[in-house]
PDB file of N, CA and C in Angstrom:
ATOM      1  N   MET A   1      24.742  -0.128 -24.234  1.00  0.00           N
ATOM      2  CA  MET A   1      24.314  -0.383 -25.767  1.00  0.00           C
ATOM      3  C   MET A   1      23.060   0.391 -26.083  1.00  0.00           C
ATOM      4  N   LYS A   2      23.023   1.039 -26.832  1.00  0.00           N
ATOM      5  CA  LYS A   2      21.642   1.946 -27.418  1.00  0.00           C
ATOM      6  C   LYS A   2      21.627   1.726 -28.795  1.00  0.00           C
ATOM      7  N   PHE A   3      20.191   1.480 -29.041  1.00  0.00           N
ATOM      8  CA  PHE A   3      19.774   1.255 -30.400  1.00  0.00           C
ATOM      9  C   PHE A   3      19.899   2.418 -31.297  1.00  0.00           C
ATOM     10  N   HIS A   4      20.273   2.243 -32.487  1.00  0.00           N
ATOM     11  CA  HIS A   4      20.574   3.402 -33.502  1.00  0.00           C
ATOM     12  C   HIS A   4      19.962   3.399 -34.475  1.00  0.00           C
ATOM     13  N   HIS A   5      19.897   2.138 -35.285  1.00  0.00           N
ATOM     14  CA  HIS A   5      18.885   2.204 -36.455  1.00  0.00           C
ATOM     15  C   HIS A   5      18.746   0.626 -37.067  1.00  0.00           C
ATOM     16  N   ILE A   6      18.025   0.800 -37.847  1.00  0.00           N
ATOM     17  CA  ILE A   6      17.843  -0.733 -38.545  1.00  0.00           C
ATOM     18  C   ILE A   6      18.365  -0.509 -39.984  1.00  0.00           C
ATOM     19  N   GLY A   7      18.978  -1.311 -40.657  1.00  0.00           N
ATOM     20  CA  GLY A   7      19.736  -1.164 -41.772  1.00  0.00           C
ATOM     21  C   GLY A   7      18.595  -2.392 -42.840  1.00  0.00           C
ATOM     22  N   ILE A   8      18.157  -1.890 -44.157  1.00  0.00           N
ATOM     23  CA  ILE A   8      17.199  -2.946 -44.611  1.00  0.00           C
ATOM     24  C   ILE A   8      17.924  -2.999 -45.994  1.00  0.00           C
ATOM     25  N   PRO A   9      18.277  -3.969 -46.561  1.00  0.00           N
ATOM     26  CA  PRO A   9      18.624  -4.279 -48.105  1.00  0.00           C
ATOM     27  C   PRO A   9      17.464  -3.897 -48.862  1.00  0.00           C
ATOM     28  N   THR A  10      17.842  -3.447 -50.112  1.00  0.00           N
ATOM     29  CA  THR A  10      16.998  -2.860 -51.072  1.00  0.00           C
ATOM     30  C   THR A  10      17.445  -2.942 -52.217  1.00  0.00           C
ATOM     31  N   THR A  11      16.605  -3.015 -53.491  1.00  0.00           N
ATOM     32  CA  THR A  11      16.999  -3.156 -54.818  1.00  0.00           C
ATOM     33  C   THR A  11      16.730  -1.761 -55.178  1.00  0.00           C
ATOM     34  N   GLU A  12      15.925  -0.858 -54.571  1.00  0.00           N
ATOM     35  CA  GLU A  12      15.374   0.368 -55.133  1.00  0.00           C
ATOM     36  C   GLU A  12      15.996   1.740 -54.746  1.00  0.00           C
ATOM     37  N   THR A  13      16.442   2.606 -55.704  1.00  0.00           N
ATOM     38  CA  THR A  13      17.157   3.652 -55.414  1.00  0.00           C
ATOM     39  C   THR A  13      16.192   4.438 -54.340  1.00  0.00           C
ATOM     40  N   HIS A  14      16.948   5.184 -53.556  1.00  0.00           N
ATOM     41  CA  HIS A  14      16.443   5.926 -52.239  1.00  0.00           C
ATOM     42  C   HIS A  14      16.924   7.378 -52.252  1.00  0.00           C
ATOM     43  N   GLU A  15      16.038   8.516 -52.165  1.00  0.00           N
ATOM     44  CA  GLU A  15      16.600   9.844 -52.054  1.00  0.00           C
ATOM     45  C   GLU A  15      17.857   9.859 -51.175  1.00  0.00           C
ATOM     46  N   GLY A  16      18.687  10.775 -51.387  1.00  0.00           N
ATOM     47  CA  GLY A  16      19.813  10.790 -50.393  1.00  0.00           C
ATOM     48  C   GLY A  16      20.827   9.936 -50.517  1.00  0.00           C
ATOM     49  N   GLU A  17      20.925   8.888 -51.242  1.00  0.00           N
ATOM     50  CA  GLU A  17      21.917   7.852 -51.090  1.00  0.00           C
ATOM     51  C   GLU A  17      23.283   8.462 -51.197  1.00  0.00           C
ATOM     52  N   GLU A  18      24.149   7.590 -50.497  1.00  0.00           N
ATOM     53  CA  GLU A  18      25.552   8.223 -50.798  1.00  0.00           C
ATOM     54  C   GLU A  18      26.286   6.532 -51.308  1.00  0.00           C
ATOM     55  N   TYR A  19      27.387   6.751 -51.667  1.00  0.00           N
ATOM     56  CA  TYR A  19      28.280   5.529 -52.344  1.00  0.00           C
ATOM     57  C   TYR A  19      29.297   5.281 -51.311  1.00  0.00           C
ATOM     58  N   MET A  20      29.401   4.030 -51.151  1.00  0.00           N
ATOM     59  CA  MET A  20      30.735   3.391 -50.407  1.00  0.00           C
ATOM     60  C   MET A  20      31.584   2.648 -51.189  1.00  0.00           C
ATOM     61  N   GLU A  21      32.864   3.238 -51.792  1.00  0.00           N
ATOM     62  CA  GLU A  21      33.325   2.718 -52.855  1.00  0.00           C
ATOM     63  C   GLU A  21      33.630   1.359 -52.239  1.00  0.00           C
ATOM     64  N   GLY A  22      34.407   1.176 -51.146  1.00  0.00           N
ATOM     65  CA  GLY A  22      34.874  -0.119 -50.667  1.00  0.00           C
ATOM     66  C   GLY A  22      34.189  -1.233 -50.589  1.00  0.00           C
ATOM     67  N   GLY A  23      32.880  -0.720 -50.167  1.00  0.00           N
ATOM     68  CA  GLY A  23      31.898  -1.758 -50.102  1.00  0.00           C
ATOM     69  C   GLY A  23      30.868  -1.983 -51.277  1.00  0.00           C
ATOM     70  N   LYS A  24      31.267  -1.123 -52.286  1.00  0.00           N
ATOM     71  CA  LYS A  24      30.417  -1.119 -53.434  1.00  0.00           C
ATOM     72  C   LYS A  24      28.634  -1.163 -53.215  1.00  0.00           C
ATOM     73  N   LEU A  25      28.441  -0.293 -52.374  1.00  0.00           N
ATOM     74  CA  LEU A  25      27.013  -0.282 -52.034  1.00  0.00           C
ATOM     75  C   LEU A  25      26.548   1.191 -51.556  1.00  0.00           C
ATOM     76  N   PHE A  26      25.415   1.525 -52.045  1.00  0.00           N
ATOM     77  CA  PHE A  26      24.725   2.670 -51.727  1.00  0.00           C
ATOM     78  C   PHE A  26      23.817   2.715 -50.222  1.00  0.00           C
ATOM     79  N   TYR A  27      23.962   3.778 -49.649  1.00  0.00           N
ATOM     80  CA  TYR A  27      23.377   3.830 -48.392  1.00  0.00           C
ATOM     81  C   TYR A  27      22.570   5.054 -47.995  1.00  0.00           C
ATOM     82  N   THR A  28      21.654   5.117 -47.377  1.00  0.00           N
ATOM     83  CA  THR A  28      20.851   6.261 -47.058  1.00  0.00           C
ATOM     84  C   THR A  28      21.500   6.600 -45.238  1.00  0.00           C
ATOM     85  N   ASP A  29      21.330   7.962 -44.727  1.00  0.00           N
ATOM     86  CA  ASP A  29      21.459   8.181 -43.586  1.00  0.00           C
ATOM     87  C   ASP A  29      20.415   7.929 -42.591  1.00  0.00           C
ATOM     88  N   PRO A  30      20.425   7.008 -41.752  1.00  0.00           N
ATOM     89  CA  PRO A  30      19.333   6.598 -40.872  1.00  0.00           C
ATOM     90  C   PRO A  30      18.944   7.828 -40.025  1.00  0.00           C
ATOM     91  N   GLU A  31      19.719   8.982 -39.735  1.00  0.00           N
ATOM     92  CA  GLU A  31      19.346  10.078 -38.885  1.00  0.00           C
ATOM     93  C   GLU A  31      18.269  10.841 -39.880  1.00  0.00           C
ATOM     94  N   ALA A  32      18.325  10.758 -41.035  1.00  0.00           N
ATOM     95  CA  ALA A  32      17.363  11.542 -42.039  1.00  0.00           C
ATOM     96  C   ALA A  32      15.976  10.839 -41.880  1.00  0.00           C
ATOM     97  N   SER A  33      15.916   9.736 -41.226  1.00  0.00           N
ATOM     98  CA  SER A  33      14.580   8.813 -41.475  1.00  0.00           C
ATOM     99  C   SER A  33      13.901   8.980 -40.418  1.00  0.00           C
ATOM    100  N   GLU A  34      12.659   9.101 -40.307  1.00  0.00           N
ATOM    101  CA  GLU A  34      11.797   9.433 -38.953  1.00  0.00           C
ATOM    102  C   GLU A  34      11.849   7.875 -38.255  1.00  0.00           C
ATOM    103  N   TYR A  35      11.965   7.040 -38.783  1.00  0.00           N
ATOM    104  CA  TYR A  35      11.933   5.570 -38.183  1.00  0.00           C
ATOM    105  C   TYR A  35      13.477   5.049 -38.110  1.00  0.00           C
ATOM    106  N   LYS A  36      14.520   5.909 -38.319  1.00  0.00           N
ATOM    107  CA  LYS A  36      15.979   5.403 -38.260  1.00  0.00           C
ATOM    108  C   LYS A  36      16.084   4.314 -39.097  1.00  0.00           C
ATOM    109  N   ILE A  37      15.783   4.316 -40.342  1.00  0.00           N
ATOM    110  CA  ILE A  37      15.967   3.274 -41.444  1.00  0.00           C
ATOM    111  C   ILE A  37      17.125   3.654 -42.278  1.00  0.00           C
ATOM    112  N   GLU A  38      17.966   2.777 -42.343  1.00  0.00           N
ATOM    113  CA  GLU A  38      19.207   3.016 -43.333  1.00  0.00           C
ATOM    114  C   GLU A  38      18.991   1.863 -44.420  1.00  0.00           C
ATOM    115  N   TRP A  39      18.482   2.579 -45.663  1.00  0.00           N
ATOM    116  CA  TRP A  39      18.457   1.685 -46.863  1.00  0.00           C
ATOM    117  C   TRP A  39      19.893   1.287 -47.475  1.00  0.00           C
ATOM    118  N   LEU A  40      20.056   0.161 -47.890  1.00  0.00           N
ATOM    119  CA  LEU A  40      21.325  -0.388 -48.290  1.00  0.00           C
ATOM    120  C   LEU A  40      21.002  -1.117 -49.800  1.00  0.00           C
ATOM    121  N   ARG A  41      21.691  -0.747 -50.668  1.00  0.00           N
ATOM    122  CA  ARG A  41      21.588  -0.972 -52.066  1.00  0.00           C
ATOM    123  C   ARG A  41      23.083  -1.532 -52.494  1.00  0.00           C
ATOM    124  N   PHE A  42      23.197  -2.783 -52.805  1.00  0.00           N
ATOM    125  CA  PHE A  42      24.490  -3.418 -52.969  1.00  0.00           C
ATOM    126  C   PHE A  42      24.702  -3.363 -54.355  1.00  0.00           C
ATOM    127  N   ASP A  43      26.010  -3.183 -55.023  1.00  0.00           N
ATOM    128  CA  ASP A  43      26.168  -3.634 -56.494  1.00  0.00           C
ATOM    129  C   ASP A  43      26.441  -4.948 -56.784  1.00  0.00           C
ATOM    130  N   ALA A  44      26.184  -5.586 -57.886  1.00  0.00           N
ATOM    131  CA  ALA A  44      26.159  -6.869 -58.148  1.00  0.00           C
ATOM    132  C   ALA A  44      27.424  -7.662 -57.562  1.00  0.00           C
ATOM    133  N   ASP A  45      28.751  -6.962 -57.716  1.00  0.00           N
ATOM    134  CA  ASP A  45      29.990  -7.313 -57.211  1.00  0.00           C
ATOM    135  C   ASP A  45      30.518  -6.682 -55.788  1.00  0.00           C
ATOM    136  N   SER A  46      29.526  -6.476 -54.971  1.00  0.00           N
ATOM    137  CA  SER A  46      29.868  -6.109 -53.749  1.00  0.00           C
ATOM    138  C   SER A  46      30.665  -6.951 -52.839  1.00  0.00           C
ATOM    139  N   PRO A  47      31.770  -6.701 -52.403  1.00  0.00           N
ATOM    140  CA  PRO A  47      32.227  -7.593 -51.323  1.00  0.00           C
ATOM    141  C   PRO A  47      31.989  -7.775 -49.986  1.00  0.00           C
ATOM    142  N   MET A  48      30.657  -7.188 -49.674  1.00  0.00           N
ATOM    143  CA  MET A  48      29.912  -7.237 -48.464  1.00  0.00           C
ATOM    144  C   MET A  48      29.676  -8.641 -48.260  1.00  0.00           C
ATOM    145  N   PRO A  49      29.486  -9.126 -47.036  1.00  0.00           N
ATOM    146  CA  PRO A  49      28.901 -10.519 -46.657  1.00  0.00           C
ATOM    147  C   PRO A  49      27.609 -10.533 -47.230  1.00  0.00           C
ATOM    148  N   LYS A  50      27.252 -11.748 -47.666  1.00  0.00           N
ATOM    149  CA  LYS A  50      25.831 -12.175 -48.022  1.00  0.00           C
ATOM    150  C   LYS A  50      24.831 -11.788 -46.995  1.00  0.00           C
ATOM    151  N   GLU A  51      25.282 -11.962 -45.595  1.00  0.00           N
ATOM    152  CA  GLU A  51      24.184 -11.916 -44.528  1.00  0.00           C
ATOM    153  C   GLU A  51      23.640 -10.572 -44.495  1.00  0.00           C
ATOM    154  N   LEU A  52      24.526  -9.635 -44.886  1.00  0.00           N
ATOM    155  CA  LEU A  52      24.186  -8.203 -45.020  1.00  0.00           C
ATOM    156  C   LEU A  52      23.425  -7.840 -46.033  1.00  0.00           C
ATOM    157  N   GLN A  53      23.707  -8.452 -47.403  1.00  0.00           N
ATOM    158  CA  GLN A  53      22.989  -8.163 -48.465  1.00  0.00           C
ATOM    159  C   GLN A  53      21.726  -8.654 -48.595  1.00  0.00           C
ATOM    160  N   GLU A  54      21.379  -9.585 -47.676  1.00  0.00           N
ATOM    161  CA  GLU A  54      20.092 -10.355 -47.678  1.00  0.00           C
ATOM    162  C   GLU A  54      19.263 -10.252 -46.704  1.00  0.00           C
ATOM    163  N   HIS A  55      19.608  -9.819 -45.612  1.00  0.00           N
ATOM    164  CA  HIS A  55      18.825  -9.542 -44.361  1.00  0.00           C
ATOM    165  C   HIS A  55      19.211  -8.482 -43.623  1.00  0.00           C
ATOM    166  N   PRO A  56      18.015  -7.858 -43.148  1.00  0.00           N
ATOM    167  CA  PRO A  56      18.084  -6.627 -42.329  1.00  0.00           C
ATOM    168  C   PRO A  56      18.896  -6.783 -41.132  1.00  0.00           C
ATOM    169  N   HIS A  57      19.558  -5.659 -40.717  1.00  0.00           N
ATOM    170  CA  HIS A  57      20.266  -5.557 -39.466  1.00  0.00           C
ATOM    171  C   HIS A  57      19.817  -4.708 -38.450  1.00  0.00           C
ATOM    172  N   ALA A  58      20.126  -4.816 -37.280  1.00  0.00           N
ATOM    173  CA  ALA A  58      19.900  -3.720 -36.043  1.00  0.00           C
ATOM    174  C   ALA A  58      21.272  -3.296 -35.912  1.00  0.00           C
ATOM    175  N   ALA A  59      21.193  -1.837 -35.417  1.00  0.00           N
ATOM    176  CA  ALA A  59      22.634  -1.112 -35.247  1.00  0.00           C
ATOM    177  C   ALA A  59      22.587  -0.629 -33.885  1.00  0.00           C
ATOM    178  N   PHE A  60      23.540  -0.723 -33.084  1.00  0.00           N
ATOM    179  CA  PHE A  60      23.626  -0.117 -31.545  1.00  0.00           C
ATOM    180  C   PHE A  60      24.868   0.474 -31.444  1.00  0.00           C
ATOM    181  N   MET A  61      24.906   1.631 -30.671  1.00  0.00           N
ATOM    182  CA  MET A  61      25.994   2.097 -30.343  1.00  0.00           C
ATOM    183  C   MET A  61      26.632   1.587 -29.094  1.00  0.00           C
ATOM    184  N   VAL A  62      28.039   1.577 -29.094  1.00  0.00           N
ATOM    185  CA  VAL A  62      28.320   0.690 -27.899  1.00  0.00           C
ATOM    186  C   VAL A  62      29.646   1.716 -27.239  1.00  0.00           C
ATOM    187  N   ASP A  63      30.086   1.813 -26.111  1.00  0.00           N
ATOM    188  CA  ASP A  63      31.389   2.189 -25.565  1.00  0.00           C
ATOM    189  C   ASP A  63      32.499   1.915 -26.126  1.00  0.00           C
ATOM    190  N   ASP A  64      32.637   0.643 -26.016  1.00  0.00           N
ATOM    191  CA  ASP A  64      33.929   0.094 -26.482  1.00  0.00           C
ATOM    192  C   ASP A  64      33.680  -1.152 -27.588  1.00  0.00           C
ATOM    193  N   ILE A  65      33.935  -0.660 -28.832  1.00  0.00           N
ATOM    194  CA  ILE A  65      33.856  -1.904 -29.762  1.00  0.00           C
ATOM    195  C   ILE A  65      34.591  -3.131 -29.611  1.00  0.00           C
ATOM    196  N   LYS A  66      35.748  -2.854 -29.299  1.00  0.00           N
ATOM    197  CA  LYS A  66      36.701  -4.171 -29.290  1.00  0.00           C
ATOM    198  C   LYS A  66      36.068  -5.207 -27.951  1.00  0.00           C
ATOM    199  N   THR A  67      35.556  -4.630 -26.865  1.00  0.00           N
ATOM    200  CA  THR A  67      35.042  -5.352 -25.701  1.00  0.00           C
ATOM    201  C   THR A  67      33.714  -6.050 -26.251  1.00  0.00           C
ATOM    202  N   ALA A  68      33.099  -5.040 -27.110  1.00  0.00           N
ATOM    203  CA  ALA A  68      31.483  -5.597 -27.500  1.00  0.00           C
ATOM    204  C   ALA A  68      31.662  -6.565 -28.414  1.00  0.00           C
ATOM    205  N   ILE A  69      32.830  -7.063 -29.338  1.00  0.00           N
ATOM    206  CA  ILE A  69      32.802  -8.051 -30.094  1.00  0.00           C
ATOM    207  C   ILE A  69      33.495  -9.242 -29.500  1.00  0.00           C
ATOM    208  N   GLU A  70      34.138  -9.078 -28.483  1.00  0.00           N
ATOM    209  CA  GLU A  70      34.932 -10.348 -27.695  1.00  0.00           C
ATOM    210  C   GLU A  70      34.086 -11.493 -27.600  1.00  0.00           C
ATOM    211  N   GLY A  71      34.339 -12.543 -28.041  1.00  0.00           N
ATOM    212  CA  GLY A  71      33.477 -13.863 -28.017  1.00  0.00           C
ATOM    213  C   GLY A  71      32.471 -14.005 -28.969  1.00  0.00           C
ATOM    214  N   LYS A  72      32.299 -13.309 -29.720  1.00  0.00           N
ATOM    215  CA  LYS A  72      31.020 -13.073 -30.639  1.00  0.00           C
ATOM    216  C   LYS A  72      31.531 -13.524 -32.002  1.00  0.00           C
ATOM    217  N   ASN A  73      30.455 -14.178 -32.799  1.00  0.00           N
ATOM    218  CA  ASN A  73      30.793 -14.370 -34.194  1.00  0.00           C
ATOM    219  C   ASN A  73      30.967 -13.271 -35.188  1.00  0.00           C
ATOM    220  N   VAL A  74      32.136 -12.885 -35.219  1.00  0.00           N
ATOM    221  CA  VAL A  74      32.563 -11.351 -36.059  1.00  0.00           C
ATOM    222  C   VAL A  74      32.436 -11.654 -37.299  1.00  0.00           C
ATOM    223  N   LEU A  75      31.214 -10.828 -38.085  1.00  0.00           N
ATOM    224  CA  LEU A  75      31.164 -10.955 -39.718  1.00  0.00           C
ATOM    225  C   LEU A  75      32.039 -10.054 -40.289  1.00  0.00           C
ATOM    226  N   ILE A  76      32.321  -8.829 -39.813  1.00  0.00           N
ATOM    227  CA  ILE A  76      33.124  -7.804 -40.366  1.00  0.00           C
ATOM    228  C   ILE A  76      33.823  -7.093 -38.900  1.00  0.00           C
ATOM    229  N   GLU A  77      35.240  -7.147 -39.164  1.00  0.00           N
ATOM    230  CA  GLU A  77      35.986  -6.653 -38.077  1.00  0.00           C
ATOM    231  C   GLU A  77      35.906  -5.051 -37.967  1.00  0.00           C
ATOM    232  N   PRO A  78      36.002  -4.673 -36.668  1.00  0.00           N
ATOM    233  CA  PRO A  78      36.028  -3.170 -36.679  1.00  0.00           C
ATOM    234  C   PRO A  78      36.715  -2.301 -37.703  1.00  0.00           C
ATOM    235  N   PHE A  79      36.200  -1.404 -38.267  1.00  0.00           N
ATOM    236  CA  PHE A  79      36.844  -0.429 -39.021  1.00  0.00           C
ATOM    237  C   PHE A  79      36.184   0.993 -39.107  1.00  0.00           C
ATOM    238  N   GLU A  80      37.007   1.845 -39.561  1.00  0.00           N
ATOM    239  CA  GLU A  80      36.583   3.498 -39.244  1.00  0.00           C
ATOM    240  C   GLU A  80      35.807   3.576 -40.742  1.00  0.00           C
ATOM    241  N   VAL A  81      34.561   3.757 -40.582  1.00  0.00           N
ATOM    242  CA  VAL A  81      33.584   4.045 -41.767  1.00  0.00           C
ATOM    243  C   VAL A  81      33.993   5.685 -42.332  1.00  0.00           C
ATOM    244  N   PHE A  82      34.217   6.509 -41.418  1.00  0.00           N
ATOM    245  CA  PHE A  82      34.586   7.661 -41.537  1.00  0.00           C
ATOM    246  C   PHE A  82      35.142   8.240 -40.328  1.00  0.00           C
ATOM    247  N   PRO A  83      35.839   9.499 -40.260  1.00  0.00           N
ATOM    248  CA  PRO A  83      36.449  10.104 -39.199  1.00  0.00           C
ATOM    249  C   PRO A  83      35.424  10.117 -38.075  1.00  0.00           C
ATOM    250  N   GLY A  84      35.825   9.519 -36.950  1.00  0.00           N
ATOM    251  CA  GLY A  84      34.869   9.823 -35.871  1.00  0.00           C
ATOM    252  C   GLY A  84      33.909   8.228 -35.462  1.00  0.00           C
ATOM    253  N   LEU A  85      33.790   7.594 -36.224  1.00  0.00           N
ATOM    254  CA  LEU A  85      32.783   6.504 -36.278  1.00  0.00           C
ATOM    255  C   LEU A  85      33.476   5.229 -36.851  1.00  0.00           C
ATOM    256  N   THR A  86      33.597   4.337 -35.704  1.00  0.00           N
ATOM    257  CA  THR A  86      34.119   2.820 -35.926  1.00  0.00           C
ATOM    258  C   THR A  86      32.934   1.756 -35.912  1.00  0.00           C
ATOM    259  N   ILE A  87      32.957   1.023 -36.975  1.00  0.00           N
ATOM    260  CA  ILE A  87      31.713  -0.147 -36.903  1.00  0.00           C
ATOM    261  C   ILE A  87      32.276  -1.676 -37.015  1.00  0.00           C
ATOM    262  N   ALA A  88      31.342  -2.396 -36.773  1.00  0.00           N
ATOM    263  CA  ALA A  88      31.858  -3.728 -36.872  1.00  0.00           C
ATOM    264  C   ALA A  88      30.532  -4.469 -37.025  1.00  0.00           C
ATOM    265  N   PHE A  89      30.578  -5.833 -37.617  1.00  0.00           N
ATOM    266  CA  PHE A  89      29.237  -6.656 -37.481  1.00  0.00           C
ATOM    267  C   PHE A  89      29.687  -7.858 -37.085  1.00  0.00           C
ATOM    268  N   ILE A  90      28.516  -8.223 -36.412  1.00  0.00           N
ATOM    269  CA  ILE A  90      28.646  -9.568 -35.486  1.00  0.00           C
ATOM    270  C   ILE A  90      27.438 -10.363 -36.099  1.00  0.00           C
ATOM    271  N   MET A  91      27.432 -11.591 -35.811  1.00  0.00           N
ATOM    272  CA  MET A  91      26.210 -12.211 -35.875  1.00  0.00           C
ATOM    273  C   MET A  91      25.548 -12.901 -34.613  1.00  0.00           C
ATOM    274  N   GLU A  92      24.475 -12.689 -34.541  1.00  0.00           N
ATOM    275  CA  GLU A  92      23.459 -12.910 -33.244  1.00  0.00           C
ATOM    276  C   GLU A  92      22.669 -14.161 -33.874  1.00  0.00           C
ATOM    277  N   ASP A  93      23.017 -15.332 -33.714  1.00  0.00           N
ATOM    278  CA  ASP A  93      22.253 -16.556 -34.159  1.00  0.00           C
ATOM    279  C   ASP A  93      22.369 -16.296 -35.683  1.00  0.00           C
ATOM    280  N   THR A  94      21.224 -16.020 -36.449  1.00  0.00           N
ATOM    281  CA  THR A  94      21.068 -15.943 -37.829  1.00  0.00           C
ATOM    282  C   THR A  94      20.887 -14.299 -38.340  1.00  0.00           C
ATOM    283  N   ALA A  95      20.898 -13.514 -37.190  1.00  0.00           N
ATOM    284  CA  ALA A  95      20.820 -12.172 -37.621  1.00  0.00           C
ATOM    285  C   ALA A  95      21.978 -11.193 -37.437  1.00  0.00           C
ATOM    286  N   PRO A  96      22.428 -10.533 -38.480  1.00  0.00           N
ATOM    287  CA  PRO A  96      23.477  -9.431 -38.457  1.00  0.00           C
ATOM    288  C   PRO A  96      23.109  -8.401 -37.544  1.00  0.00           C
ATOM    289  N   ILE A  97      24.253  -8.178 -36.726  1.00  0.00           N
ATOM    290  CA  ILE A  97      24.210  -6.739 -35.845  1.00  0.00           C
ATOM    291  C   ILE A  97      25.288  -6.075 -36.112  1.00  0.00           C
ATOM    292  N   GLU A  98      25.095  -4.761 -36.260  1.00  0.00           N
ATOM    293  CA  GLU A  98      25.967  -3.800 -36.543  1.00  0.00           C
ATOM    294  C   GLU A  98      26.315  -2.929 -35.027  1.00  0.00           C
ATOM    295  N   LEU A  99      27.346  -2.882 -34.685  1.00  0.00           N
ATOM    296  CA  LEU A  99      28.044  -2.399 -33.546  1.00  0.00           C
ATOM    297  C   LEU A  99      28.911  -0.892 -33.839  1.00  0.00           C
ATOM    298  N   MET A 100      28.515   0.317 -33.255  1.00  0.00           N
ATOM    299  CA  MET A 100      28.828   1.471 -33.704  1.00  0.00           C
ATOM    300  C   MET A 100      29.706   2.037 -32.432  1.00  0.00           C
ATOM    301  N   GLN A 101      30.754   2.550 -32.543  1.00  0.00           N
ATOM    302  CA  GLN A 101      31.457   3.367 -31.373  1.00  0.00           C
ATOM    303  C   GLN A 101      31.981   4.746 -32.017  1.00  0.00           C
ATOM    304  N   ALA A 102      31.448   5.758 -31.204  1.00  0.00           N
ATOM    305  CA  ALA A 102      31.916   7.243 -31.524  1.00  0.00           C
ATOM    306  C   ALA A 102      33.262   7.364 -31.211  1.00  0.00           C
ATOM    307  N   THR A 103      34.297   7.671 -32.179  1.00  0.00           N
ATOM    308  CA  THR A 103      35.484   7.779 -31.552  1.00  0.00           C
ATOM    309  C   THR A 103      36.303   9.135 -31.756  1.00  0.00           C
ATOM    310  N   ALA A 104      35.534  10.123 -31.808  1.00  0.00           N
ATOM    311  CA  ALA A 104      35.957  11.575 -31.758  1.00  0.00           C
ATOM    312  C   ALA A 104      35.081  12.324 -30.777  1.00  0.00           C
TER     313      ALA A 104
END
């Protein structure tokens, strides 16, 4: 497991935002941030869990996402966010954690 980024919810617009229709949220590319910050700005009717909308999350690359979520409190089941990248969210105590697997 390797640290990838930190996701921080915000209500402010950030340069370079992209929109995720299914999640009804704007996000920035953490690779464009010196400190690996992904800014997340949610629409009022976003279906994303409140844990993600209200709390920062740490994100980690894993070799096998299905193995990584076994026995964990899964917040969002694995899904392909775009071709070549599958993500899932778990809860570690009260903290949301994003797990990421390169699939290409």
